[in-house]
Amino acid sequence: MKIKAVLIDDEPLALKVLESLLQSHPNVEIVGKFSSTSNLENELEILNPDVVFTDIQMPGETGLEFVKKSYPMPYAVIFTTAHPNFAADAFEFEALDYLLKPIAPDRLSKAIKRLEEYMEYKENENDVADTKDDYVYVKVDGEFQKIFYDQIHYVEAFADYVKIWTSPEKRVVTLQTMRNMESGLPVDKFIRVHRSYIIAINKIKAIQNTTVILEGNIEIPIGKNYKESISQILQKNILG
């Protein structure tokens, strides 16, 4: 399976280095290289990439601004940057990965493996989750799988898929939107705490300023737009 990739970076050397690293992954085909995001929408529509590798800090429109403007994207996004402080914002918009320069070959390999997993699940049909009183049906590997709400620890956005974690180590992946999952899950059992995360309220162990700790010591970030809602719901549960 060929994966079509577009590279965006204002530094020619950075583009050359990334291109060289990707040569170790023959299933990735570079279909375009650009030094900025200016007027790139039409180009991407023509190239129809599966993934866009983009720098963040660039003259004019930044890579993060471009992704925000284009969200939700019809392709996966992997950020490549020398700045670690933009990671939270990147994952707010469901970036598939966040690679820090200089990019280590083994770290890129992990990102490609994640990308391959994303592409594999993208071949499935898009089926709406069928929610019931105490369980949900989701399509996994061509069949509908029943998952009880009490089994779910959290739901994680995975580009245009979701990972439903039923333990700290076990998850199922289904072609689904976070918005659809959120609307289908009971509000007394689940809460959206981040653009990329929905958590089970009964799996919460502790709450910090910007993080929720779930059973298994799983740390989930709290998005800035969700702090008020989690505060209200948790206060209701504490006082109730």
C-alpha atoms as a PDB file:
ATOM      1  CA  MET A   1       0.000   0.000   0.000  1.00  0.00           C
ATOM      2  CA  LYS A   2       1.503   3.296  -1.122  1.00  0.00           C
ATOM      3  CA  ILE A   3       1.096   6.276   1.186  1.00  0.00           C
ATOM      4  CA  LYS A   4       1.157   9.628  -0.613  1.00  0.00           C
ATOM      5  CA  ALA A   5       2.971  12.305   1.382  1.00  0.00           C
ATOM      6  CA  VAL A   6       3.389  16.075   1.090  1.00  0.00           C
ATOM      7  CA  LEU A   7       6.263  17.841   2.880  1.00  0.00           C
ATOM      8  CA  ILE A   8       6.093  21.494   3.986  1.00  0.00           C
ATOM      9  CA  ASP A   9       9.069  23.365   5.450  1.00  0.00           C
ATOM     10  CA  ASP A  10      10.561  26.789   4.751  1.00  0.00           C
ATOM     11  CA  GLU A  11      14.097  25.447   5.274  1.00  0.00           C
ATOM     12  CA  PRO A  12      15.440  23.620   2.167  1.00  0.00           C
ATOM     13  CA  LEU A  13      17.859  21.593   4.304  1.00  0.00           C
ATOM     14  CA  ALA A  14      15.042  20.391   6.569  1.00  0.00           C
ATOM     15  CA  LEU A  15      13.056  19.267   3.528  1.00  0.00           C
ATOM     16  CA  LYS A  16      16.073  17.411   2.173  1.00  0.00           C
ATOM     17  CA  VAL A  17      16.720  15.697   5.527  1.00  0.00           C
ATOM     18  CA  LEU A  18      13.097  14.571   5.876  1.00  0.00           C
ATOM     19  CA  GLU A  19      13.030  13.346   2.291  1.00  0.00           C
ATOM     20  CA  SER A  20      16.213  11.373   2.932  1.00  0.00           C
ATOM     21  CA  LEU A  21      14.794   9.813   6.105  1.00  0.00           C
ATOM     22  CA  LEU A  22      11.611   8.814   4.295  1.00  0.00           C
ATOM     23  CA  GLN A  23      13.632   6.916   1.704  1.00  0.00           C
ATOM     24  CA  SER A  24      13.954   4.182   4.339  1.00  0.00           C
ATOM     25  CA  HIS A  25      10.195   3.728   4.063  1.00  0.00           C
ATOM     26  CA  PRO A  26       9.508   2.657   0.469  1.00  0.00           C
ATOM     27  CA  ASN A  27       5.763   2.530   1.045  1.00  0.00           C
ATOM     28  CA  VAL A  28       5.780   6.340   1.466  1.00  0.00           C
ATOM     29  CA  GLU A  29       5.700   8.232  -1.824  1.00  0.00           C
ATOM     30  CA  ILE A  30       6.502  11.952  -1.715  1.00  0.00           C
ATOM     31  CA  VAL A  31       4.096  13.624  -4.129  1.00  0.00           C
ATOM     32  CA  GLY A  32       4.863  17.248  -3.278  1.00  0.00           C
ATOM     33  CA  LYS A  33       7.322  19.521  -1.456  1.00  0.00           C
ATOM     34  CA  PHE A  34       6.539  23.119  -0.460  1.00  0.00           C
ATOM     35  CA  SER A  35       8.294  25.940   1.377  1.00  0.00           C
ATOM     36  CA  SER A  36       5.080  27.513   2.734  1.00  0.00           C
ATOM     37  CA  THR A  37       1.349  26.932   3.093  1.00  0.00           C
ATOM     38  CA  SER A  38       0.496  29.909   0.892  1.00  0.00           C
ATOM     39  CA  ASN A  39      -2.250  29.022  -1.624  1.00  0.00           C
ATOM     40  CA  LEU A  40      -1.705  25.351  -0.834  1.00  0.00           C
ATOM     41  CA  GLU A  41      -5.361  24.288  -0.593  1.00  0.00           C
ATOM     42  CA  ASN A  42      -5.775  23.852  -4.356  1.00  0.00           C
ATOM     43  CA  GLU A  43      -2.452  22.020  -4.670  1.00  0.00           C
ATOM     44  CA  LEU A  44      -3.423  19.561  -1.931  1.00  0.00           C
ATOM     45  CA  GLU A  45      -6.790  18.968  -3.522  1.00  0.00           C
ATOM     46  CA  ILE A  46      -5.031  17.988  -6.751  1.00  0.00           C
ATOM     47  CA  LEU A  47      -2.313  15.894  -5.077  1.00  0.00           C
ATOM     48  CA  ASN A  48      -4.818  14.224  -2.717  1.00  0.00           C
ATOM     49  CA  PRO A  49      -2.191  13.170  -0.138  1.00  0.00           C
ATOM     50  CA  ASP A  50      -2.719  10.645   2.611  1.00  0.00           C
ATOM     51  CA  VAL A  51      -0.454  12.564   4.985  1.00  0.00           C
ATOM     52  CA  VAL A  52       1.046  16.041   5.264  1.00  0.00           C
ATOM     53  CA  PHE A  53       4.321  16.544   7.135  1.00  0.00           C
ATOM     54  CA  THR A  54       4.503  20.208   8.070  1.00  0.00           C
ATOM     55  CA  ASP A  55       6.798  22.484  10.012  1.00  0.00           C
ATOM     56  CA  ILE A  56       5.124  24.893  12.450  1.00  0.00           C
ATOM     57  CA  GLN A  57       7.236  28.056  12.586  1.00  0.00           C
ATOM     58  CA  MET A  58       7.308  29.450   9.043  1.00  0.00           C
ATOM     59  CA  PRO A  59       7.131  32.972   7.596  1.00  0.00           C
ATOM     60  CA  GLY A  60       3.573  34.102   6.975  1.00  0.00           C
ATOM     61  CA  GLU A  61       1.028  31.472   7.904  1.00  0.00           C
ATOM     62  CA  THR A  62       2.363  28.880  10.344  1.00  0.00           C
ATOM     63  CA  GLY A  63       1.785  25.181   9.902  1.00  0.00           C
ATOM     64  CA  LEU A  64      -0.469  25.190  12.957  1.00  0.00           C
ATOM     65  CA  GLU A  65      -2.563  28.066  11.582  1.00  0.00           C
ATOM     66  CA  PHE A  66      -2.900  26.212   8.296  1.00  0.00           C
ATOM     67  CA  VAL A  67      -4.153  23.075  10.034  1.00  0.00           C
ATOM     68  CA  LYS A  68      -6.600  25.059  12.187  1.00  0.00           C
ATOM     69  CA  LYS A  69      -7.955  26.743   9.057  1.00  0.00           C
ATOM     70  CA  SER A  70      -8.265  23.421   7.222  1.00  0.00           C
ATOM     71  CA  TYR A  71      -9.720  21.419  10.129  1.00  0.00           C
ATOM     72  CA  PRO A  72     -11.140  18.811   9.810  1.00  0.00           C
ATOM     73  CA  MET A  73      -8.598  17.619   7.252  1.00  0.00           C
ATOM     74  CA  PRO A  74      -9.169  14.833   4.709  1.00  0.00           C
ATOM     75  CA  TYR A  75      -5.579  13.681   5.339  1.00  0.00           C
ATOM     76  CA  ALA A  76      -3.414  12.855   8.338  1.00  0.00           C
ATOM     77  CA  VAL A  77      -1.084  15.556   9.678  1.00  0.00           C
ATOM     78  CA  ILE A  78       2.348  14.985  11.231  1.00  0.00           C
ATOM     79  CA  PHE A  79       4.104  18.066  12.564  1.00  0.00           C
ATOM     80  CA  THR A  80       7.886  18.370  12.262  1.00  0.00           C
ATOM     81  CA  THR A  81       9.305  21.158  14.397  1.00  0.00           C
ATOM     82  CA  ALA A  82      12.137  22.239  16.679  1.00  0.00           C
ATOM     83  CA  HIS A  83       9.628  23.674  19.180  1.00  0.00           C
ATOM     84  CA  PRO A  84       8.083  21.298  21.755  1.00  0.00           C
ATOM     85  CA  ASN A  85       5.760  23.948  23.205  1.00  0.00           C
ATOM     86  CA  PHE A  86       3.190  23.676  20.377  1.00  0.00           C
ATOM     87  CA  ALA A  87       2.386  20.006  20.975  1.00  0.00           C
ATOM     88  CA  ALA A  88      -0.792  20.608  22.998  1.00  0.00           C
ATOM     89  CA  ASP A  89      -2.221  22.884  20.292  1.00  0.00           C
ATOM     90  CA  ALA A  90      -1.262  20.384  17.594  1.00  0.00           C
ATOM     91  CA  PHE A  91      -3.140  17.533  19.235  1.00  0.00           C
ATOM     92  CA  GLU A  92      -6.146  19.794  19.840  1.00  0.00           C
ATOM     93  CA  PHE A  93      -6.604  19.502  16.078  1.00  0.00           C
ATOM     94  CA  GLU A  94      -6.036  15.743  15.986  1.00  0.00           C
ATOM     95  CA  ALA A  95      -2.514  15.646  14.612  1.00  0.00           C
ATOM     96  CA  LEU A  96      -1.418  12.068  14.022  1.00  0.00           C
ATOM     97  CA  ASP A  97       2.054  12.723  15.460  1.00  0.00           C
ATOM     98  CA  TYR A  98       4.487  15.453  16.550  1.00  0.00           C
ATOM     99  CA  LEU A  99       8.151  14.989  15.600  1.00  0.00           C
ATOM    100  CA  LEU A 100      10.880  17.122  17.136  1.00  0.00           C
ATOM    101  CA  LYS A 101      13.887  18.140  15.032  1.00  0.00           C
ATOM    102  CA  PRO A 102      16.420  16.765  14.576  1.00  0.00           C
ATOM    103  CA  ILE A 103      14.197  13.818  13.741  1.00  0.00           C
ATOM    104  CA  ALA A 104      15.667  10.495  14.831  1.00  0.00           C
ATOM    105  CA  PRO A 105      15.182   7.616  12.348  1.00  0.00           C
ATOM    106  CA  ASP A 106      13.618   5.350  14.987  1.00  0.00           C
ATOM    107  CA  ARG A 107      11.188   8.092  16.025  1.00  0.00           C
ATOM    108  CA  LEU A 108      10.150   8.572  12.403  1.00  0.00           C
ATOM    109  CA  SER A 109       9.662   4.816  12.096  1.00  0.00           C
ATOM    110  CA  LYS A 110       7.195   4.928  14.993  1.00  0.00           C
ATOM    111  CA  ALA A 111       5.302   7.738  13.263  1.00  0.00           C
ATOM    112  CA  ILE A 112       5.177   5.758  10.012  1.00  0.00           C
ATOM    113  CA  LYS A 113       3.889   2.696  11.860  1.00  0.00           C
ATOM    114  CA  ARG A 114       1.137   4.838  13.365  1.00  0.00           C
ATOM    115  CA  LEU A 115       0.419   6.220   9.897  1.00  0.00           C
ATOM    116  CA  GLU A 116       0.199   2.710   8.439  1.00  0.00           C
ATOM    117  CA  GLU A 117      -2.274   1.758  11.164  1.00  0.00           C
ATOM    118  CA  TYR A 118      -4.318   4.837  10.327  1.00  0.00           C
ATOM    119  CA  MET A 119      -4.313   3.949   6.616  1.00  0.00           C
ATOM    120  CA  GLU A 120      -5.324   0.369   7.362  1.00  0.00           C
ATOM    121  CA  TYR A 121      -8.379   1.436   9.298  1.00  0.00           C
ATOM    122  CA  LYS A 122      -9.223   4.067   6.726  1.00  0.00           C
ATOM    123  CA  GLU A 123     -10.088   1.274   4.310  1.00  0.00           C
ATOM    124  CA  ASN A 124     -13.092   0.356   6.463  1.00  0.00           C
ATOM    125  CA  GLU A 125     -16.517   1.738   5.718  1.00  0.00           C
ATOM    126  CA  ASN A 126     -17.752   4.672   7.785  1.00  0.00           C
ATOM    127  CA  ASP A 127     -20.464   3.312  10.075  1.00  0.00           C
ATOM    128  CA  VAL A 128     -22.305   5.327  12.675  1.00  0.00           C
ATOM    129  CA  ALA A 129     -22.004   4.014  16.206  1.00  0.00           C
ATOM    130  CA  ASP A 130     -25.193   2.266  17.311  1.00  0.00           C
ATOM    131  CA  THR A 131     -25.731   3.285  20.917  1.00  0.00           C
ATOM    132  CA  LYS A 132     -28.044   1.500  23.393  1.00  0.00           C
ATOM    133  CA  ASP A 133     -28.922   1.892  27.077  1.00  0.00           C
ATOM    134  CA  ASP A 134     -25.743   0.310  28.415  1.00  0.00           C
ATOM    135  CA  TYR A 135     -23.590  -0.490  25.404  1.00  0.00           C
ATOM    136  CA  VAL A 136     -22.514   0.660  21.954  1.00  0.00           C
ATOM    137  CA  TYR A 137     -21.979  -1.245  18.716  1.00  0.00           C
ATOM    138  CA  VAL A 138     -19.045  -0.122  16.538  1.00  0.00           C
ATOM    139  CA  LYS A 139     -17.658  -1.619  13.350  1.00  0.00           C
ATOM    140  CA  VAL A 140     -14.239  -3.203  13.812  1.00  0.00           C
ATOM    141  CA  ASP A 141     -12.483  -5.196  11.099  1.00  0.00           C
ATOM    142  CA  GLY A 142     -15.657  -5.659   9.092  1.00  0.00           C
ATOM    143  CA  GLU A 143     -17.939  -6.730  11.927  1.00  0.00           C
ATOM    144  CA  PHE A 144     -19.987  -4.955  14.586  1.00  0.00           C
ATOM    145  CA  GLN A 145     -18.503  -5.264  18.038  1.00  0.00           C
ATOM    146  CA  LYS A 146     -20.482  -4.747  21.247  1.00  0.00           C
ATOM    147  CA  ILE A 147     -18.773  -2.651  23.923  1.00  0.00           C
ATOM    148  CA  PHE A 148     -20.416  -2.026  27.283  1.00  0.00           C
ATOM    149  CA  TYR A 149     -20.089   1.521  28.615  1.00  0.00           C
ATOM    150  CA  ASP A 150     -18.587   0.224  31.856  1.00  0.00           C
ATOM    151  CA  GLN A 151     -15.733  -1.299  29.835  1.00  0.00           C
ATOM    152  CA  ILE A 152     -14.704   2.020  28.310  1.00  0.00           C
ATOM    153  CA  HIS A 153     -11.882   3.956  29.989  1.00  0.00           C
ATOM    154  CA  TYR A 154     -11.567   6.684  27.366  1.00  0.00           C
ATOM    155  CA  VAL A 155     -12.039   7.479  23.696  1.00  0.00           C
ATOM    156  CA  GLU A 156      -9.152   8.971  21.730  1.00  0.00           C
ATOM    157  CA  ALA A 157      -9.298  10.762  18.397  1.00  0.00           C
ATOM    158  CA  PHE A 158      -7.151   9.083  15.740  1.00  0.00           C
ATOM    159  CA  ALA A 159      -7.346  11.389  12.720  1.00  0.00           C
ATOM    160  CA  ASP A 160     -10.846  10.624  11.343  1.00  0.00           C
ATOM    161  CA  TYR A 161     -11.096   7.494  13.501  1.00  0.00           C
ATOM    162  CA  VAL A 162     -11.441   6.911  17.206  1.00  0.00           C
ATOM    163  CA  LYS A 163      -9.664   4.521  19.533  1.00  0.00           C
ATOM    164  CA  ILE A 164     -11.943   3.136  22.226  1.00  0.00           C
ATOM    165  CA  TRP A 165      -9.716   2.077  25.133  1.00  0.00           C
ATOM    166  CA  THR A 166     -11.226  -0.710  27.244  1.00  0.00           C
ATOM    167  CA  SER A 167      -8.115  -0.978  29.436  1.00  0.00           C
ATOM    168  CA  PRO A 168      -4.802   0.908  29.652  1.00  0.00           C
ATOM    169  CA  GLU A 169      -3.400  -1.561  27.085  1.00  0.00           C
ATOM    170  CA  LYS A 170      -6.376  -2.729  25.002  1.00  0.00           C
ATOM    171  CA  ARG A 171      -8.309  -0.710  22.425  1.00  0.00           C
ATOM    172  CA  VAL A 172     -10.444  -1.034  19.328  1.00  0.00           C
ATOM    173  CA  VAL A 173     -10.254   1.344  16.388  1.00  0.00           C
ATOM    174  CA  THR A 174     -13.261   2.337  14.313  1.00  0.00           C
ATOM    175  CA  LEU A 175     -13.952   4.814  11.539  1.00  0.00           C
ATOM    176  CA  GLN A 176     -15.940   7.364  13.490  1.00  0.00           C
ATOM    177  CA  THR A 177     -16.052  11.032  14.473  1.00  0.00           C
ATOM    178  CA  MET A 178     -15.522  12.294  17.995  1.00  0.00           C
ATOM    179  CA  ARG A 179     -18.639  14.415  17.629  1.00  0.00           C
ATOM    180  CA  ASN A 180     -20.747  11.347  16.877  1.00  0.00           C
ATOM    181  CA  MET A 181     -19.214   9.387  19.741  1.00  0.00           C
ATOM    182  CA  GLU A 182     -19.802  12.264  22.156  1.00  0.00           C
ATOM    183  CA  SER A 183     -23.446  12.640  21.138  1.00  0.00           C
ATOM    184  CA  GLY A 184     -24.053   8.890  21.497  1.00  0.00           C
ATOM    185  CA  LEU A 185     -22.427   8.310  24.887  1.00  0.00           C
ATOM    186  CA  PRO A 186     -24.503   8.982  28.051  1.00  0.00           C
ATOM    187  CA  VAL A 187     -23.643  12.348  29.599  1.00  0.00           C
ATOM    188  CA  ASP A 188     -23.842  10.967  33.129  1.00  0.00           C
ATOM    189  CA  LYS A 189     -21.047   8.492  32.376  1.00  0.00           C
ATOM    190  CA  PHE A 190     -18.713  10.292  29.939  1.00  0.00           C
ATOM    191  CA  ILE A 191     -17.272  13.761  29.491  1.00  0.00           C
ATOM    192  CA  ARG A 192     -15.309  15.451  26.712  1.00  0.00           C
ATOM    193  CA  VAL A 193     -12.161  16.936  28.247  1.00  0.00           C
ATOM    194  CA  HIS A 194     -10.201  17.690  25.107  1.00  0.00           C
ATOM    195  CA  ARG A 195     -10.794  17.917  21.378  1.00  0.00           C
ATOM    196  CA  SER A 196      -9.099  14.514  21.149  1.00  0.00           C
ATOM    197  CA  TYR A 197     -10.381  12.808  24.322  1.00  0.00           C
ATOM    198  CA  ILE A 198     -13.628  11.652  25.934  1.00  0.00           C
ATOM    199  CA  ILE A 199     -13.205   9.993  29.328  1.00  0.00           C
ATOM    200  CA  ALA A 200     -15.322   7.762  31.556  1.00  0.00           C
ATOM    201  CA  ILE A 201     -16.177   9.678  34.740  1.00  0.00           C
ATOM    202  CA  ASN A 202     -16.022   6.554  36.913  1.00  0.00           C
ATOM    203  CA  LYS A 203     -12.444   5.833  35.749  1.00  0.00           C
ATOM    204  CA  ILE A 204     -11.084   9.152  37.087  1.00  0.00           C
ATOM    205  CA  LYS A 205      -8.483   8.778  39.858  1.00  0.00           C
ATOM    206  CA  ALA A 206      -7.345  12.376  40.191  1.00  0.00           C
ATOM    207  CA  ILE A 207      -7.633  15.784  38.577  1.00  0.00           C
ATOM    208  CA  GLN A 208      -4.779  18.229  38.227  1.00  0.00           C
ATOM    209  CA  ASN A 209      -4.760  21.689  36.700  1.00  0.00           C
ATOM    210  CA  THR A 210      -4.386  20.571  33.089  1.00  0.00           C
ATOM    211  CA  THR A 211      -4.526  16.779  33.391  1.00  0.00           C
ATOM    212  CA  VAL A 212      -6.935  14.030  34.387  1.00  0.00           C
ATOM    213  CA  ILE A 213      -5.441  10.814  35.792  1.00  0.00           C
ATOM    214  CA  LEU A 214      -7.430   7.680  34.958  1.00  0.00           C
ATOM    215  CA  GLU A 215      -7.163   4.137  36.305  1.00  0.00           C
ATOM    216  CA  GLY A 216      -3.855   2.637  35.229  1.00  0.00           C
ATOM    217  CA  ASN A 217      -2.239   6.056  35.746  1.00  0.00           C
ATOM    218  CA  ILE A 218      -3.226   7.138  32.245  1.00  0.00           C
ATOM    219  CA  GLU A 219      -2.746  10.903  31.889  1.00  0.00           C
ATOM    220  CA  ILE A 220      -5.279  12.736  29.722  1.00  0.00           C
ATOM    221  CA  PRO A 221      -4.833  16.450  28.920  1.00  0.00           C
ATOM    222  CA  ILE A 222      -7.634  18.901  29.654  1.00  0.00           C
ATOM    223  CA  GLY A 223      -8.198  21.228  26.700  1.00  0.00           C
ATOM    224  CA  LYS A 224      -8.557  24.919  27.488  1.00  0.00           C
ATOM    225  CA  ASN A 225     -12.040  24.957  25.955  1.00  0.00           C
ATOM    226  CA  TYR A 226     -13.241  22.112  28.196  1.00  0.00           C
ATOM    227  CA  LYS A 227     -12.082  23.228  31.652  1.00  0.00           C
ATOM    228  CA  GLU A 228     -15.385  24.850  32.577  1.00  0.00           C
ATOM    229  CA  SER A 229     -17.528  21.880  31.550  1.00  0.00           C
ATOM    230  CA  ILE A 230     -15.442  19.356  33.458  1.00  0.00           C
ATOM    231  CA  SER A 231     -15.429  21.643  36.486  1.00  0.00           C
ATOM    232  CA  GLN A 232     -19.236  21.897  36.476  1.00  0.00           C
ATOM    233  CA  ILE A 233     -19.862  18.187  35.965  1.00  0.00           C
ATOM    234  CA  LEU A 234     -17.329  17.112  38.586  1.00  0.00           C
ATOM    235  CA  GLN A 235     -18.707  19.623  41.085  1.00  0.00           C
ATOM    236  CA  LYS A 236     -22.174  18.215  40.492  1.00  0.00           C
ATOM    237  CA  ASN A 237     -20.897  14.694  41.122  1.00  0.00           C
ATOM    238  CA  ILE A 238     -18.989  15.716  44.245  1.00  0.00           C
ATOM    239  CA  LEU A 239     -21.911  17.619  45.728  1.00  0.00           C
ATOM    240  CA  GLY A 240     -24.552  15.211  44.495  1.00  0.00           C
END
